[in-house]
Protein backbone atom coordinates (compact mmCIF):
# COMPACT_ATOMS: atom_id res chain seq x y z
CA MET A 1 9.07 -3.12 9.78
CA SER A 2 11.58 -5.06 11.20
CA ALA A 3 12.46 -5.46 15.16
CA GLU A 4 16.00 -5.65 14.23
CA LEU A 5 16.10 -2.08 13.03
CA ASP A 6 15.71 1.36 14.27
CA GLU A 7 13.34 3.83 13.44
CA GLN A 8 15.52 4.95 10.70
CA GLN A 9 16.55 2.26 9.56
CA ASN A 10 12.81 1.29 9.01
CA ALA A 11 12.62 4.54 7.24
CA SER A 12 14.66 3.81 4.80
CA VAL A 13 14.18 0.51 3.57
CA GLY A 14 10.61 1.52 3.45
CA MET A 15 10.92 4.17 1.16
CA THR A 16 13.24 2.29 -0.95
CA VAL A 17 10.77 -0.64 -1.17
CA GLY A 18 7.84 1.47 -1.75
CA MET A 19 9.60 3.37 -4.81
CA ILE A 20 10.58 -0.27 -6.53
CA GLU A 21 7.27 -1.53 -6.28
CA VAL A 22 5.74 1.19 -7.70
CA LEU A 23 8.36 1.36 -10.50
CA LEU A 24 7.28 -1.69 -11.24
CA LEU A 25 3.43 -2.05 -10.82
CA GLN A 26 2.36 1.37 -11.88
CA PRO A 27 0.71 0.00 -15.13
CA PHE A 28 -1.70 -1.89 -12.74
CA ASN A 29 -2.47 1.17 -10.29
CA TYR A 30 -2.64 2.64 -13.73
CA ALA A 31 -5.45 0.39 -15.17
CA LYS A 32 -7.48 0.22 -11.79
CA ASN A 33 -7.79 3.55 -11.28
CA MET A 34 -9.22 3.97 -15.10
CA VAL A 35 -11.90 1.11 -14.42
CA GLN A 36 -12.94 2.37 -10.86
CA GLN A 37 -13.95 5.90 -12.84
CA GLN A 38 -15.19 4.31 -15.80
CA ARG A 39 -12.65 5.48 -18.21
CA PRO A 40 -10.85 4.21 -21.00
CA ILE A 41 -7.83 2.17 -20.28
CA SER A 42 -4.87 3.13 -22.51
CA LEU A 43 -2.01 0.79 -23.68
CA ASN A 44 0.05 4.20 -24.38
CA PRO A 45 3.06 3.14 -21.50
CA MET A 46 4.03 7.35 -21.37
CA VAL A 47 -0.33 7.56 -20.36
CA MET A 48 -0.12 4.81 -18.05
CA TYR A 49 2.74 6.18 -16.04
CA ARG A 50 0.81 9.33 -16.04
CA GLY A 51 1.54 10.74 -12.46
CA VAL A 52 4.04 7.79 -11.49
CA GLY A 53 6.51 10.71 -9.59
CA ALA A 54 3.76 11.26 -7.74
CA ASN A 55 3.03 7.69 -7.23
CA CYS A 56 6.20 7.02 -6.19
CA ILE A 57 6.88 9.87 -3.41
CA ASN A 58 3.51 8.38 -2.20
CA MET A 59 4.67 4.91 -1.95
CA GLY A 60 8.25 5.82 -0.47
CA SER A 61 6.66 8.10 2.04
CA CYS A 62 3.73 6.05 3.24
CA THR A 63 5.69 3.12 3.06
CA MET A 64 8.79 4.81 5.53
CA ILE A 65 6.10 5.70 7.57
CA GLN A 66 4.01 2.48 7.88
CA PHE A 67 8.10 0.72 8.80
CA ALA A 68 8.83 3.15 11.14
CA VAL A 69 5.66 3.43 12.69
CA GLY A 70 5.42 -0.51 12.83
CA GLY A 71 8.95 -1.10 13.49
CA LYS A 72 9.02 1.56 16.30
CA LEU A 73 5.42 -0.33 17.78
CA LYS A 74 6.69 -4.06 17.12
CA SER A 75 9.94 -3.23 19.45
CA ALA A 76 8.01 -1.39 21.95
CA ILE A 77 5.43 -4.83 22.30
CA SER A 78 8.55 -7.40 21.79
CA GLY A 79 10.52 -5.34 24.95
CA GLY A 80 13.84 -5.05 21.96
CA ASP A 81 13.59 -9.06 22.06
CA GLN A 82 14.25 -10.22 18.59
CA THR A 83 13.61 -13.66 18.93
CA LYS A 84 10.24 -12.83 20.63
CA HIS A 85 7.32 -14.01 18.13
CA LEU A 86 4.51 -11.43 18.11
CA SER A 87 0.80 -12.87 17.73
CA LEU A 88 -1.33 -11.92 14.91
CA GLN A 89 -3.52 -9.95 16.66
CA GLN A 90 -0.22 -7.41 17.90
CA GLU A 91 1.04 -7.99 14.41
CA MET A 92 -2.11 -6.61 12.87
CA THR A 93 -2.67 -3.41 15.41
CA CYS A 94 1.08 -2.44 14.51
CA GLY A 95 0.14 -2.62 10.91
CA ILE A 96 -3.00 -0.65 11.62
CA ILE A 97 -1.92 2.28 14.01
CA ALA A 98 0.80 2.48 11.11
CA GLY A 99 -1.10 2.53 8.16
CA THR A 100 -3.77 4.59 9.33
CA THR A 101 -0.53 7.51 9.93
CA SER A 102 0.64 6.55 6.59
CA GLY A 103 -2.72 7.93 4.80
CA LEU A 104 -2.40 11.46 6.21
CA VAL A 105 0.84 12.12 3.40
CA GLY A 106 -0.90 9.46 1.29
CA SER A 107 -4.23 11.23 0.31
CA PRO A 108 -2.85 14.52 -0.62
CA LEU A 109 -0.41 12.75 -3.31
CA GLU A 110 -2.60 9.66 -4.53
CA LEU A 111 -5.50 13.07 -5.31
CA ILE A 112 -2.73 14.72 -7.62
CA MET A 113 -1.51 11.13 -9.25
CA ILE A 114 -5.30 10.71 -10.23
CA GLN A 115 -6.16 13.98 -11.05
CA GLN A 116 -2.76 13.75 -13.69
CA GLN A 117 -3.96 10.04 -14.66
CA ARG A 118 -7.37 11.94 -15.73
CA LYS A 119 -5.90 15.36 -17.40
CA GLY A 120 -2.25 14.93 -17.82
CA GLY A 121 0.24 18.04 -16.97
CA GLY A 122 2.63 18.61 -14.49
CA VAL A 123 2.37 18.18 -10.33
CA ALA A 124 2.05 21.87 -10.51
CA THR A 125 -0.55 22.42 -12.58
CA ARG A 126 -2.84 19.98 -11.13
CA LEU A 127 -1.41 21.09 -7.56
CA GLY A 128 -2.85 24.41 -8.59
CA GLU A 129 -6.12 23.54 -9.61
CA ILE A 130 -7.07 21.63 -6.81
CA LEU A 131 -5.89 24.58 -4.30
CA GLN A 132 -8.35 26.29 -5.45
CA HIS A 133 -10.20 25.31 -3.74
CA PRO A 134 -8.10 24.40 0.19
CA VAL A 135 -10.58 22.02 0.93
CA ASN A 136 -10.08 19.44 -2.15
CA ILE A 137 -6.72 18.32 -0.54
CA THR A 138 -8.30 16.24 2.18
CA ARG A 139 -10.78 15.00 -0.57
CA GLY A 140 -11.04 10.61 -0.09
CA PHE A 141 -8.72 10.93 3.03
CA VAL A 142 -11.01 8.72 5.04
CA GLY A 143 -11.07 5.91 2.56
CA CYS A 144 -7.25 6.30 2.55
CA ALA A 145 -6.59 5.93 5.86
CA ILE A 146 -8.95 2.68 6.35
CA ARG A 147 -7.55 1.50 3.27
CA GLU A 148 -4.01 1.81 4.50
CA ALA A 149 -4.75 0.45 7.59
CA LEU A 150 -5.92 -2.68 6.44
CA TRP A 151 -3.55 -2.65 3.52
CA THR A 152 -0.15 -2.53 5.92
CA CYS A 153 -1.83 -5.47 7.65
CA GLY A 154 -1.94 -7.31 4.59
CA TYR A 155 1.60 -7.03 3.71
CA LEU A 156 3.26 -6.43 6.77
CA SER A 157 1.44 -8.31 9.37
CA ILE A 158 -0.28 -11.31 8.08
CA PRO A 159 2.73 -12.48 5.62
CA PRO A 160 5.45 -12.97 9.07
CA VAL A 161 2.77 -15.53 10.77
CA VAL A 162 1.60 -17.28 8.04
CA ARG A 163 4.85 -17.98 7.01
CA ARG A 164 6.22 -18.76 10.20
CA THR A 165 2.99 -20.98 10.78
CA LEU A 166 3.71 -22.96 7.32
CA MET A 167 6.86 -23.26 8.23
CA GLU A 168 5.98 -24.68 11.75
CA THR A 169 3.24 -27.01 11.08
CA TYR A 170 4.27 -28.31 7.43
CA PRO A 171 8.44 -28.40 7.85
CA THR A 172 9.08 -30.49 5.32
CA THR A 173 7.17 -28.67 2.57
CA PHE A 174 7.96 -25.33 3.72
CA ASP A 175 11.87 -25.57 4.71
CA THR A 176 12.77 -22.38 3.84
CA ASN A 177 11.30 -18.71 4.09
CA ASP A 178 11.38 -18.14 0.47
CA LYS A 179 8.79 -21.35 -0.12
CA ALA A 180 6.33 -20.09 2.44
CA ARG A 181 6.18 -16.32 0.41
CA VAL A 182 4.51 -16.82 -2.34
CA PRO A 183 0.95 -18.71 -0.39
CA ALA A 184 1.34 -16.06 2.46
CA ALA A 185 1.46 -13.17 -0.39
CA LEU A 186 -1.62 -14.89 -1.74
CA LEU A 187 -3.31 -14.57 1.06
CA GLY A 188 -2.13 -11.51 2.08
CA GLY A 189 -3.05 -9.97 -1.28
CA LEU A 190 -6.38 -11.45 -0.73
CA PHE A 191 -6.65 -9.91 2.36
CA ALA A 192 -5.46 -6.53 1.41
CA CYS A 193 -7.59 -6.13 -1.73
CA TYR A 194 -10.66 -7.43 -0.74
CA LEU A 195 -11.52 -6.08 2.37
CA THR A 196 -9.94 -2.57 1.54
CA HIS A 197 -11.45 -2.30 -2.03
CA PRO A 198 -14.72 -0.24 -1.36
CA PHE A 199 -12.92 2.14 0.39
CA ASP A 200 -10.60 2.60 -2.31
CA THR A 201 -12.83 3.01 -4.74
CA ILE A 202 -14.76 5.30 -3.13
CA LYS A 203 -11.58 7.13 -2.41
CA THR A 204 -10.66 7.06 -6.21
CA CYS A 205 -13.54 8.18 -7.45
CA MET A 206 -14.04 11.38 -4.66
CA GLN A 207 -9.67 12.01 -5.54
CA GLY A 208 -11.19 11.71 -9.58
CA ASP A 209 -14.12 13.97 -9.38
CA ILE A 210 -12.78 17.47 -7.45
CA GLU A 211 -15.23 19.14 -9.57
CA ARG A 212 -18.18 17.14 -7.26
CA GLU A 213 -20.48 16.74 -10.73
CA LEU A 214 -19.92 12.39 -11.14
CA TYR A 215 -20.72 10.90 -7.74
CA GLY A 216 -23.42 12.33 -6.00
CA ASN A 217 -25.09 9.17 -4.61
CA PHE A 218 -22.66 5.89 -5.06
CA VAL A 219 -24.89 3.40 -4.93
CA GLN A 220 -27.54 5.07 -6.67
CA THR A 221 -25.61 5.35 -9.71
CA SER A 222 -23.09 2.35 -9.61
CA GLY A 223 -25.06 -0.10 -7.28
CA VAL A 224 -23.23 -2.05 -4.55
CA THR A 225 -21.13 -4.27 -7.27
CA GLY A 226 -19.76 -0.73 -8.39
CA PHE A 227 -17.64 -0.85 -4.97
CA TYR A 228 -15.53 -3.64 -6.47
CA ARG A 229 -14.90 -2.40 -10.03
CA GLY A 230 -10.95 -2.77 -10.53
CA ALA A 231 -10.63 -5.36 -8.50
CA THR A 232 -8.93 -7.80 -10.64
CA PHE A 233 -6.30 -5.50 -11.44
CA ARG A 234 -5.85 -4.42 -7.69
CA TYR A 235 -5.50 -7.77 -6.57
CA GLY A 236 -3.17 -8.64 -9.26
CA ARG A 237 -1.25 -6.09 -8.49
CA MET A 238 -1.54 -6.73 -4.38
CA VAL A 239 -0.31 -10.50 -4.47
CA CYS A 240 2.52 -9.06 -6.26
CA ALA A 241 3.36 -6.27 -4.26
CA VAL A 242 2.60 -8.09 -1.06
CA PHE A 243 5.56 -10.87 -2.46
CA ILE A 244 7.83 -8.03 -3.59
CA MET A 245 7.46 -6.17 -0.58
CA ASP A 246 7.81 -9.43 2.13
CA LEU A 247 10.97 -10.39 -0.05
CA MET A 248 12.21 -7.08 -0.49
CA ARG A 249 12.41 -5.71 2.57
CA GLU A 250 13.93 -8.19 4.39
CA LYS A 251 16.73 -8.63 0.90
CA ILE A 252 16.98 -5.01 1.21
CA GLY A 253 17.25 -4.41 5.11
CA ARG A 254 20.42 -7.04 5.14
CA LEU A 255 21.99 -5.29 2.32
CA MET A 256 21.53 -1.59 3.70
CA TYR A 257 22.44 -2.47 7.68
CA PRO A 258 24.06 -6.26 8.16
CA GLN A 259 25.64 -4.54 11.03
CA ALA A 260 21.38 -4.63 12.47
CA PHE A 261 21.36 -8.97 11.75
CA ALA A 262 25.07 -10.08 12.81
CA ASN A 263 23.35 -12.00 15.19
């Protein structure tokens, strides 16, 4: 999200960046979901990319909402002053609100994707099965909303502050944005992954079990360590995603709307 762009521009940049990230990193997401549900991982690309359509719509629309809402909040806090730097607390507040809002869209779409990954079939087939009991569409929403709130902080709020701090504190070592982007991505990915992973595991298991047969008491059946199943795959994806999205939102924003960055 950029304070230089308006809501519509932030939304279009966010959708583009989100879909690029999904297409590149879908295998990480598939492997993480399988490990969380204690299911075997297939190396067949056709299996790995099951549900990628729903996931593209999910990430595209969620990132669009996160960029638009977050950009609007940043602009409001800064009073439209493009030179004003927000504090870490202000950045994180924008990220939490933007992420929570996006969960309203993301949760149902992830439910469809996870059902496709488990059972195969098209979107219409899986959606029809889910809607046999309409309450299923809300399954996993709370976990999704908390995860998206913290994830948005991890990729939108933390990296700009870390990059700016590194460049100001160590100007010789980090003399460009690109040099500071790698440690910013590692830190943002670490924050986004390990704080949010228990909520993501609960959400994934709930959405993979709409029949309500497997996960009656998660702690009893899996223990506390079960909350971190699949964390390695998710951290790998998070670091790559934070780097890609931190880089691409700036590059694509300037490419799509050069006039907004003219000054």
